Protein backbone atom coordinates (compact mmCIF):
# COMPACT_ATOMS: atom_id res chain seq x y z
CA UNK A 1 80.44 83.81 7.03
CA UNK A 2 81.64 83.08 3.54
CA UNK A 3 83.52 79.72 2.70
CA UNK A 4 85.37 78.52 -0.54
CA UNK A 5 87.22 75.11 -1.37
CA UNK A 6 90.87 75.16 -1.78
CA UNK A 7 91.55 73.27 -5.27
CA UNK A 8 94.29 71.02 -4.47
CA UNK A 9 93.43 69.35 -1.40
CA UNK A 10 89.69 70.16 -1.25
CA UNK A 11 89.90 71.79 1.93
CA UNK A 12 86.96 74.11 3.07
CA UNK A 13 88.31 77.55 3.94
CA UNK A 14 86.60 80.55 5.67
CA UNK A 15 87.37 83.77 4.15
CA UNK A 16 87.91 87.00 6.32
CA UNK A 17 86.22 89.43 3.85
CA UNK A 18 88.25 92.45 3.43
CA UNK A 19 86.17 95.64 4.64
CA UNK A 20 83.08 93.30 5.18
CA UNK A 21 81.45 95.53 7.98
CA UNK A 22 81.72 98.74 5.75
CA UNK A 23 80.26 96.81 2.63
CA UNK A 24 77.45 95.34 4.65
CA UNK A 25 76.42 98.94 5.71
CA UNK A 26 76.61 100.25 2.23
CA UNK A 27 74.62 97.64 0.58
CA UNK A 28 72.20 96.87 3.18
CA UNK A 29 71.39 100.12 4.86
CA UNK A 30 72.95 103.03 2.72
CA UNK A 31 71.69 101.85 -0.57
CA UNK A 32 68.05 101.99 0.56
CA UNK A 33 68.28 104.94 3.33
CA UNK A 34 71.01 107.03 1.80
CA UNK A 35 71.17 106.57 -1.76
CA UNK A 36 73.31 109.65 -2.30
CA UNK A 37 75.83 108.05 -0.09
CA UNK A 38 75.67 104.74 -1.78
CA UNK A 39 76.20 106.38 -5.14
CA UNK A 40 79.23 108.40 -3.82
CA UNK A 41 80.84 105.28 -2.62
CA UNK A 42 80.44 103.35 -5.78
CA UNK A 43 81.73 106.27 -7.83
CA UNK A 44 85.14 106.54 -9.67
CA UNK A 45 86.52 109.28 -7.65
CA UNK A 46 85.59 107.93 -4.12
CA UNK A 47 86.95 104.42 -5.34
CA UNK A 48 90.18 106.01 -6.20
CA UNK A 49 90.54 107.85 -2.75
CA UNK A 50 89.53 104.71 -0.91
CA UNK A 51 92.46 102.91 -2.75
CA UNK A 52 94.84 105.61 -1.94
CA UNK A 53 93.71 105.37 1.75
CA UNK A 54 93.86 101.58 2.04
CA UNK A 55 96.92 101.02 -0.05
CA UNK A 56 99.10 104.03 0.17
CA UNK A 57 98.51 105.38 3.59
CA UNK A 58 96.74 103.59 6.33
CA UNK A 59 98.53 100.31 6.22
CA UNK A 60 102.01 101.44 5.07
CA UNK A 61 103.30 101.30 8.71
CA UNK A 62 101.96 97.93 9.30
CA UNK A 63 103.60 96.59 6.24
CA UNK A 64 107.11 97.61 7.04
CA UNK A 65 108.94 94.67 8.54
CA UNK A 66 105.68 93.01 9.45
CA UNK A 67 106.11 89.48 8.57
CA UNK A 68 102.66 88.53 10.49
CA UNK A 69 100.86 90.86 8.38
CA UNK A 70 102.20 89.20 5.05
CA UNK A 71 101.73 85.72 6.44
CA UNK A 72 98.19 86.51 7.37
CA UNK A 73 97.38 87.66 3.91
CA UNK A 74 99.15 84.65 2.50
CA UNK A 75 101.78 86.45 0.58
CA UNK A 76 104.84 84.58 -0.37
CA UNK A 77 107.62 87.22 -1.02
CA UNK A 78 109.74 84.45 -2.11
CA UNK A 79 108.05 84.13 -5.28
CA UNK A 80 108.57 87.98 -6.11
CA UNK A 81 111.13 89.20 -8.49
CA UNK A 82 112.03 92.09 -6.21
CA UNK A 83 113.81 91.54 -2.85
CA UNK A 84 111.73 91.77 0.42
CA UNK A 85 113.16 95.18 1.43
CA UNK A 86 111.38 96.75 -1.71
CA UNK A 87 107.88 96.11 -0.21
CA UNK A 88 107.30 99.13 1.93
CA UNK A 89 103.87 99.84 0.99
CA UNK A 90 100.78 97.71 0.58
CA UNK A 91 100.46 99.02 -3.10
CA UNK A 92 103.82 97.43 -3.91
CA UNK A 93 102.76 94.33 -2.37
CA UNK A 94 99.53 94.22 -4.36
CA UNK A 95 101.20 95.25 -7.59
CA UNK A 96 104.12 92.68 -7.17
CA UNK A 97 105.64 90.72 -9.95
CA UNK A 98 106.43 87.16 -9.57
CA UNK A 99 108.28 84.30 -11.15
CA UNK A 100 105.08 82.86 -12.61
CA UNK A 101 107.27 80.72 -15.06
CA UNK A 102 108.48 78.75 -11.90
CA UNK A 103 105.93 79.03 -9.43
CA UNK A 104 102.52 78.98 -11.44
CA UNK A 105 103.15 76.07 -13.77
CA UNK A 106 100.93 75.68 -16.77
CA UNK A 107 99.47 72.65 -18.76
CA UNK A 108 101.54 72.00 -21.85
CA UNK A 109 98.51 70.60 -23.85
CA UNK A 110 97.84 72.91 -26.67
CA UNK A 111 93.96 72.68 -26.11
CA UNK A 112 94.18 73.56 -22.53
CA UNK A 113 92.53 76.81 -21.31
CA UNK A 114 94.12 78.14 -18.13
CA UNK A 115 93.12 80.36 -15.20
CA UNK A 116 93.80 84.01 -15.95
CA UNK A 117 94.62 84.89 -12.32
CA UNK A 118 95.15 83.81 -8.75
CA UNK A 119 91.36 84.00 -7.81
CA UNK A 120 88.27 82.22 -6.52
CA UNK A 121 86.56 80.72 -9.48
CA UNK A 122 82.64 80.13 -10.12
CA UNK A 123 81.56 78.23 -13.36
CA UNK A 124 78.26 79.01 -15.10
CA UNK A 125 76.30 78.64 -18.36
CA UNK A 126 74.13 80.86 -20.34
CA UNK A 127 72.15 77.96 -21.79
CA UNK A 128 68.73 76.90 -19.99
CA UNK A 129 69.44 73.33 -20.51
CA UNK A 130 72.93 73.34 -18.91
CA UNK A 131 73.29 72.25 -15.17
CA UNK A 132 75.45 75.19 -14.88
CA UNK A 133 72.66 77.63 -15.87
CA UNK A 134 72.63 80.76 -13.85
CA UNK A 135 70.61 83.49 -15.27
CA UNK A 136 71.17 87.08 -14.31
CA UNK A 137 73.01 86.44 -11.30
CA UNK A 138 76.30 87.84 -11.41
CA UNK A 139 75.83 89.73 -14.70
CA UNK A 140 73.30 90.43 -17.40
CA UNK A 141 75.02 88.89 -20.57
CA UNK A 142 73.88 91.61 -22.99
CA UNK A 143 74.68 94.39 -20.74
CA UNK A 144 78.11 92.97 -19.86
CA UNK A 145 79.39 92.82 -23.47
CA UNK A 146 77.38 96.01 -24.55
CA UNK A 147 74.41 95.97 -26.61
CA UNK A 148 76.38 98.01 -29.34
CA UNK A 149 78.28 94.95 -29.95
CA UNK A 150 75.63 92.57 -31.40
CA UNK A 151 78.12 90.35 -33.19
CA UNK A 152 79.57 89.22 -29.76
CA UNK A 153 76.23 88.85 -28.25
CA UNK A 154 75.26 86.19 -30.98
CA UNK A 155 78.66 84.53 -30.84
CA UNK A 156 78.57 83.83 -27.07
CA UNK A 157 75.00 83.46 -26.56
CA UNK A 158 74.13 80.16 -24.55
CA UNK A 159 77.79 79.51 -23.96
CA UNK A 160 79.80 78.72 -20.78
CA UNK A 161 81.52 81.14 -18.50
CA UNK A 162 83.86 81.30 -15.66
CA UNK A 163 83.94 84.23 -13.07
CA UNK A 164 87.15 84.82 -11.13
CA UNK A 165 87.11 86.90 -8.02
CA UNK A 166 90.57 88.38 -7.11
CA UNK A 167 90.70 89.34 -3.40
CA UNK A 168 92.99 92.26 -2.20
CA UNK A 169 95.77 89.91 -1.03
CA UNK A 170 96.12 88.21 -4.52
CA UNK A 171 98.63 88.70 -7.15
CA UNK A 172 96.91 91.13 -9.29
CA UNK A 173 98.29 90.56 -12.73
CA UNK A 174 95.96 88.90 -15.29
CA UNK A 175 97.37 86.32 -17.65
CA UNK A 176 95.98 85.41 -21.12
CA UNK A 177 93.96 82.31 -20.65
CA UNK A 178 94.51 81.13 -24.22
CA UNK A 179 96.54 81.64 -27.32
CA UNK A 180 95.02 83.43 -30.11
CA UNK A 181 94.58 86.47 -32.09
CA UNK A 182 92.93 89.77 -30.77
CA UNK A 183 89.94 90.44 -33.04
CA UNK A 184 88.29 93.24 -30.87
CA UNK A 185 89.19 95.27 -27.65
CA UNK A 186 87.01 97.93 -26.22
CA UNK A 187 86.02 99.64 -22.81
CA UNK A 188 82.56 100.07 -21.15
CA UNK A 189 81.81 102.68 -18.55
CA UNK A 190 80.11 102.11 -15.33
CA UNK A 191 80.34 102.25 -11.58
CA UNK A 192 82.52 100.68 -9.09
CA UNK A 193 80.51 98.09 -7.07
CA UNK A 194 82.31 95.94 -4.46
CA UNK A 195 82.80 92.31 -5.61
CA UNK A 196 82.26 91.28 -1.71
CA UNK A 197 79.89 88.18 -2.11
CA UNK A 198 77.48 89.87 0.28
CA UNK A 199 77.28 92.95 -2.04
CA UNK A 200 76.95 90.90 -5.19
CA UNK A 201 73.92 89.15 -4.00
CA UNK A 202 72.38 92.40 -2.74
CA UNK A 203 72.73 94.14 -6.07
CA UNK A 204 71.15 92.69 -9.31
CA UNK A 205 73.92 91.86 -11.89
CA UNK A 206 76.52 94.23 -10.31
CA UNK A 207 79.50 92.94 -12.79
CA UNK A 208 77.59 94.16 -15.95
CA UNK A 209 77.04 97.79 -14.41
CA UNK A 210 80.63 98.27 -13.34
CA UNK A 211 83.45 99.77 -15.65
CA UNK A 212 85.18 97.04 -17.54
CA UNK A 213 87.39 96.25 -20.30
CA UNK A 214 86.42 93.57 -22.97
CA UNK A 215 89.11 91.55 -25.20
CA UNK A 216 87.93 89.15 -27.99
CA UNK A 217 90.48 86.51 -28.74
CA UNK A 218 90.04 84.18 -31.79
CA UNK A 219 91.76 80.90 -30.99
CA UNK A 220 90.86 79.13 -34.15
CA UNK A 221 94.09 80.56 -35.99
CA UNK A 222 97.64 79.19 -36.23
CA UNK A 223 99.27 78.43 -32.83
CA UNK A 224 96.05 79.15 -31.31
CA UNK A 225 94.33 77.11 -28.63
CA UNK A 226 91.49 75.75 -30.91
CA UNK A 227 88.67 76.53 -28.55
CA UNK A 228 86.82 79.22 -30.64
CA UNK A 229 86.54 82.81 -29.86
CA UNK A 230 86.93 83.61 -26.02
CA UNK A 231 86.01 86.96 -24.44
CA UNK A 232 87.89 88.07 -21.41
CA UNK A 233 86.21 90.67 -19.57
CA UNK A 234 88.27 92.67 -16.73
CA UNK A 235 86.02 94.32 -14.47
CA UNK A 236 86.89 97.11 -11.81
CA UNK A 237 85.62 96.89 -8.32
CA UNK A 238 85.64 99.20 -5.26
CA UNK A 239 89.15 100.72 -4.64
CA UNK A 240 90.29 99.72 -8.11
CA UNK A 241 91.86 102.58 -9.75
CA UNK A 242 92.51 101.26 -13.26
CA UNK A 243 93.21 98.35 -15.44
CA UNK A 244 96.58 98.75 -17.09
CA UNK A 245 96.98 96.74 -20.28
CA UNK A 246 100.42 95.43 -20.38
CA UNK A 247 101.09 92.31 -22.39
CA UNK A 248 104.54 90.74 -22.27
CA UNK A 249 105.86 88.02 -24.55
CA UNK A 250 108.81 87.24 -22.09
CA UNK A 251 108.52 87.78 -18.19
CA UNK A 252 107.27 91.23 -17.59
CA UNK A 253 109.44 92.61 -20.45
CA UNK A 254 108.55 95.38 -22.81
CA UNK A 255 104.72 95.57 -22.09
CA UNK A 256 102.48 96.37 -24.88
CA UNK A 257 98.88 97.83 -24.80
CA UNK A 258 96.30 95.37 -26.34
CA UNK A 259 95.03 96.09 -29.85
CA UNK A 260 93.35 94.22 -32.60
CA UNK A 261 95.61 92.31 -34.62
CA UNK A 262 97.87 91.25 -31.48
CA UNK A 263 98.79 87.57 -30.97
CA UNK A 264 98.60 86.68 -27.32
CA UNK A 265 100.35 83.64 -25.98
CA UNK A 266 98.72 81.50 -23.22
CA UNK A 267 99.88 82.10 -19.76
CA UNK A 268 101.55 85.60 -20.46
CA UNK A 269 100.86 88.60 -18.50
CA UNK A 270 98.27 90.70 -20.14
CA UNK A 271 97.10 93.30 -17.58
CA UNK A 272 97.23 94.62 -14.05
CA UNK A 273 94.67 95.68 -11.73
CA UNK A 274 95.49 98.57 -9.41
CA UNK A 275 95.07 97.65 -5.71
CA UNK A 276 91.86 96.34 -4.47
CA UNK A 277 89.68 93.44 -5.30
CA UNK A 278 88.50 92.74 -8.80
CA UNK A 279 86.74 90.33 -11.35
CA UNK A 280 87.82 88.48 -14.49
CA UNK A 281 84.87 86.98 -16.54
CA UNK A 282 85.63 84.52 -19.40
CA UNK A 283 83.10 83.82 -21.90
CA UNK A 284 83.06 80.78 -24.13
CA UNK A 285 81.18 79.80 -27.29
CA UNK A 286 78.61 77.06 -26.97
CA UNK A 287 79.96 73.32 -27.19
CA UNK A 288 83.70 74.54 -27.45
CA UNK A 289 84.99 73.80 -24.15
CA UNK A 290 84.68 71.26 -21.22
CA UNK A 291 85.56 72.35 -17.55
CA UNK A 292 88.02 70.54 -15.49
CA UNK A 293 86.03 67.83 -13.74
CA UNK A 294 87.54 68.46 -10.35
CA UNK A 295 86.22 72.18 -10.50
CA UNK A 296 82.63 70.92 -11.51
CA UNK A 297 82.61 68.66 -8.49
CA UNK A 298 83.95 71.05 -6.02
CA UNK A 299 81.59 73.91 -7.09
CA UNK A 300 78.56 71.88 -6.14
CA UNK A 301 80.15 70.37 -2.99
CA UNK A 302 77.74 70.16 -0.32
CA UNK A 303 78.13 71.65 3.42
CA UNK A 304 80.09 74.62 2.18
CA UNK A 305 78.58 77.96 3.67
CA UNK A 306 78.86 80.16 0.54
CA UNK A 307 76.87 83.62 0.40
CA UNK A 308 76.35 82.88 -3.13
CA UNK A 309 74.47 79.61 -2.25
CA UNK A 310 72.52 81.50 0.34
CA UNK A 311 71.89 84.47 -1.98
CA UNK A 312 70.96 82.65 -5.04
CA UNK A 313 69.18 79.73 -3.60
CA UNK A 314 71.23 77.00 -5.31
CA UNK A 315 74.64 75.39 -4.43
CA UNK A 316 77.34 77.61 -5.83
CA UNK A 317 80.78 77.30 -4.42
CA UNK A 318 83.94 79.13 -5.25
CA UNK A 319 87.02 77.13 -5.83
CA UNK A 320 90.46 78.75 -5.08
CA UNK A 321 92.73 78.53 -8.16
CA UNK A 322 96.12 79.76 -9.39
CA UNK A 323 97.06 81.76 -12.53
CA UNK A 324 97.96 79.44 -15.43
CA UNK A 325 96.33 76.45 -13.81
CA UNK A 326 94.05 74.01 -15.76
CA UNK A 327 90.47 75.49 -16.25
CA UNK A 328 89.19 73.66 -19.30
CA UNK A 329 90.03 71.92 -22.52
CA UNK A 330 88.68 71.76 -25.98
CA UNK A 331 85.34 69.83 -26.06
CA UNK A 332 86.54 67.22 -28.43
CA UNK A 333 89.44 66.25 -26.05
CA UNK A 334 89.11 63.43 -23.46
CA UNK A 335 87.37 64.30 -20.03
CA UNK A 336 89.67 65.78 -17.48
CA UNK A 337 89.39 65.86 -13.90
CA UNK A 338 92.68 66.66 -12.25
CA UNK A 339 94.78 69.94 -11.69
CA UNK A 340 97.81 67.95 -11.92
CA UNK A 341 97.66 67.37 -15.65
CA UNK A 342 101.31 67.37 -17.11
CA UNK A 343 102.54 70.93 -16.78
CA UNK A 344 105.21 72.94 -18.01
CA UNK A 345 107.74 74.13 -15.41
CA UNK A 346 110.63 74.89 -17.51
CA UNK A 347 112.30 78.26 -17.22
CA UNK A 348 112.40 80.64 -20.26
CA UNK A 349 110.58 83.52 -18.70
CA UNK A 350 107.27 82.38 -19.26
CA UNK A 351 107.77 80.91 -22.87
CA UNK A 352 106.71 77.48 -22.04
CA UNK A 353 103.26 76.14 -23.06
CA UNK A 354 100.83 77.37 -25.43
């Protein structure tokens, strides 16, 4: 069993993990007794083939006209830009575009940091003196950013981080969590480990071993959020075929590839995961942000049966959050505790807030 906490009402939810039986077999038995099979399953080619099977072939007939399937996944087609009849395959559903400027309201405070995705978030810190300290659980910090980038290793050492796990049913666009200038953007090779919680606790620091894309955003610039440099790490997972960089200033119009020198506006679409489950990791400089109080409280809530708590031997609960919802504020701001901080719900195709 794996449970998480729904943010708005604090309800404890039990997650039905996608492909859990197969993942448990691969990570508990095949990894030890059939290492070749395990390496094959976490390879780029097999990940692509599994994605094709699950999202283009196997479930296609179930999707067509099957309202119960959509309801079970929690997919609200009323949020989408395309009409319901467009969604004839799972791939189309998992790559859907939504009216985020209306249905994903965003704090209008300039120093607010927002969630990059509809996901389940875990908060952590790299500093040993922090109550959120989690050393080498989800990732090795140096390996995650790449040892060939010492500038950023020094910049983010002893800082805070937030890890966002996107499940297969989620809206799979990532949004910029801050406003600022892209000062670096690079890719790191790797494998395609599952982000199933059971798999994560079985493999040492899996997220820093997967293929990933790193974007460094300087927010201490004109029009920026003012929380220092922020690293956004987009991590592939099993059945993720690609991470498409497609930043749009307005709606999803005229998408652009990310490059140094580009200014990103908070809350705007930045990238798209091809179908499957996947992970975003945000890294912050030391003493630059303060996480929302309700997230800190729910992340240590007792009585929640989390596989992370069991596997890592300490209370560690995921909280379900929406893209563009409040994550943190600049540390020099007043403490915050509620996701209902004043939000921008104006139209303008995503141009509000920032």
